[in-house]
Amino acid sequence: MSAVARYRGSLPTALLSDAAIRPTEYTRWAHAHTRFARREKDAVILAGLLETIPLRGLDVPVVLGISDRYGDVYVSDGHHRAVALRILRAPRFPFHWYWIKSAGVHIEERPFPYYLLTPVADRTV
């Protein structure tokens, strides 16, 4: 019996924005950037990522959570990685994802619902 693999996708880094894929721990991406620049521990982590990502890419995918109530997409794990990718203007980033549900969460094996990243007015039913 083979194990089912986690879904691993790739998205444009430009979607790591306040309008598309938002941070969960910060009100806006600018807040995350400012905090990481001011706190020594965060600045060290960020500096390491800024050095290693151009050399070998992102080793650990960013984890995205999707609210099943609103359809909002958030970075749930990987804020430092996301900020580094934004600073580097990396073209794309790897990710895993899960639904944020009242019954709990688990990393999905199914394809990511990409339609959630299109403006609401553009979504077809």
Protein backbone atom coordinates (compact mmCIF):
# COMPACT_ATOMS: atom_id res chain seq x y z
CA MET A 1 0.00 0.00 0.00
CA SER A 2 1.51 3.33 -1.02
CA ALA A 3 1.25 6.45 1.07
CA VAL A 4 -0.51 9.43 -0.45
CA ALA A 5 1.81 12.38 -0.89
CA ARG A 6 1.08 15.89 0.30
CA TYR A 7 0.07 18.20 -2.49
CA ARG A 8 2.98 20.41 -3.42
CA GLY A 9 2.25 23.35 -5.65
CA SER A 10 3.98 26.44 -6.89
CA LEU A 11 2.56 29.96 -7.00
CA PRO A 12 3.81 33.35 -8.16
CA THR A 13 5.46 35.20 -5.28
CA ALA A 14 3.50 38.32 -6.28
CA LEU A 15 0.44 36.61 -4.74
CA LEU A 16 2.04 37.00 -1.30
CA SER A 17 0.18 40.28 -0.94
CA ASP A 18 -2.38 41.86 1.34
CA ALA A 19 -5.00 41.29 -1.37
CA ALA A 20 -4.34 37.63 -2.20
CA ILE A 21 -2.32 35.51 0.27
CA ARG A 22 -2.16 37.31 3.59
CA PRO A 23 -0.02 36.74 6.67
CA THR A 24 -1.83 35.23 9.66
CA GLU A 25 0.40 36.62 12.39
CA TYR A 26 0.57 40.20 11.08
CA THR A 27 -2.06 42.66 9.93
CA ARG A 28 -0.20 43.34 6.67
CA TRP A 29 2.96 42.16 4.95
CA ALA A 30 4.59 45.55 5.64
CA HIS A 31 4.13 44.84 9.37
CA ALA A 32 5.95 41.50 9.01
CA HIS A 33 8.80 43.16 7.08
CA THR A 34 9.16 45.86 9.75
CA ARG A 35 9.06 43.40 12.64
CA PHE A 36 11.64 41.09 11.08
CA ALA A 37 13.98 44.03 10.44
CA ARG A 38 13.69 45.29 14.04
CA ARG A 39 13.98 42.06 16.04
CA GLU A 40 17.47 40.58 16.10
CA LYS A 41 16.32 36.94 16.12
CA ASP A 42 14.04 37.53 13.13
CA ALA A 43 16.70 39.57 11.30
CA VAL A 44 19.19 36.68 11.64
CA ILE A 45 16.67 34.17 10.29
CA LEU A 46 15.80 36.47 7.41
CA ALA A 47 19.47 37.12 6.57
CA GLY A 48 20.10 33.39 6.39
CA LEU A 49 17.18 32.90 4.04
CA LEU A 50 18.24 35.82 1.86
CA GLU A 51 21.62 34.14 1.50
CA THR A 52 20.49 30.55 0.89
CA ILE A 53 17.37 30.95 -1.26
CA PRO A 54 19.25 32.40 -4.29
CA LEU A 55 21.78 29.55 -4.06
CA ARG A 56 19.51 26.53 -3.66
CA GLY A 57 15.92 27.71 -3.64
CA LEU A 58 13.47 27.22 -0.83
CA ASP A 59 14.14 23.99 1.09
CA VAL A 60 10.88 23.99 3.08
CA PRO A 61 7.62 24.91 1.33
CA VAL A 62 5.44 27.70 2.69
CA VAL A 63 2.22 26.33 4.24
CA LEU A 64 -1.02 27.99 3.20
CA GLY A 65 -4.24 27.76 5.16
CA ILE A 66 -7.61 28.43 3.58
CA SER A 67 -10.60 29.50 5.64
CA ASP A 68 -13.48 27.20 4.71
CA ARG A 69 -15.81 29.88 6.02
CA TYR A 70 -14.62 32.82 3.89
CA GLY A 71 -12.28 31.31 1.29
CA ASP A 72 -9.42 33.58 2.42
CA VAL A 73 -5.89 32.27 1.87
CA TYR A 74 -3.23 32.83 4.53
CA VAL A 75 0.40 31.92 5.15
CA SER A 76 0.06 29.73 8.22
CA ASP A 77 3.69 28.59 8.38
CA GLY A 78 6.63 30.24 6.69
CA HIS A 79 6.31 33.98 7.32
CA HIS A 80 10.11 34.43 7.33
CA ARG A 81 10.36 32.44 4.09
CA ALA A 82 7.56 34.48 2.53
CA VAL A 83 9.16 37.80 3.49
CA ALA A 84 12.52 36.62 2.10
CA LEU A 85 10.85 35.58 -1.16
CA ARG A 86 9.14 38.98 -1.39
CA ILE A 87 12.42 40.83 -0.77
CA LEU A 88 14.23 38.70 -3.36
CA ARG A 89 11.34 39.12 -5.79
CA ALA A 90 11.52 35.40 -6.44
CA PRO A 91 9.31 34.45 -9.37
CA ARG A 92 7.56 31.52 -7.62
CA PHE A 93 7.43 29.65 -4.33
CA PRO A 94 6.61 26.05 -3.37
CA PHE A 95 3.76 25.39 -0.96
CA HIS A 96 1.63 22.83 0.86
CA TRP A 97 -1.90 23.70 1.95
CA TYR A 98 -4.82 22.84 4.20
CA TRP A 99 -8.38 23.93 4.93
CA ILE A 100 -8.94 25.80 8.21
CA LYS A 101 -12.00 24.00 9.57
CA SER A 102 -13.66 23.77 12.95
CA ALA A 103 -13.12 20.00 12.88
CA GLY A 104 -9.33 20.42 12.63
CA VAL A 105 -6.71 20.69 9.94
CA HIS A 106 -4.45 18.39 7.97
CA ILE A 107 -2.13 19.03 5.04
CA GLU A 108 -4.09 18.29 1.87
CA GLU A 109 -3.30 15.69 -0.73
CA ARG A 110 -5.78 17.14 -3.22
CA PRO A 111 -4.93 19.93 -5.67
CA PHE A 112 -5.03 23.48 -4.35
CA PRO A 113 -8.28 25.40 -5.13
CA TYR A 114 -6.56 27.99 -7.34
CA TYR A 115 -9.89 29.68 -8.12
CA LEU A 116 -9.79 31.21 -4.61
CA LEU A 117 -6.96 33.48 -5.75
CA THR A 118 -9.05 35.16 -8.44
CA PRO A 119 -11.12 38.22 -7.54
CA VAL A 120 -14.62 37.31 -6.31
CA ALA A 121 -16.24 39.11 -9.27
CA ASP A 122 -14.25 36.89 -11.67
CA ARG A 123 -15.17 33.54 -10.07
CA THR A 124 -17.60 31.32 -11.91
CA VAL A 125 -20.06 29.18 -10.03
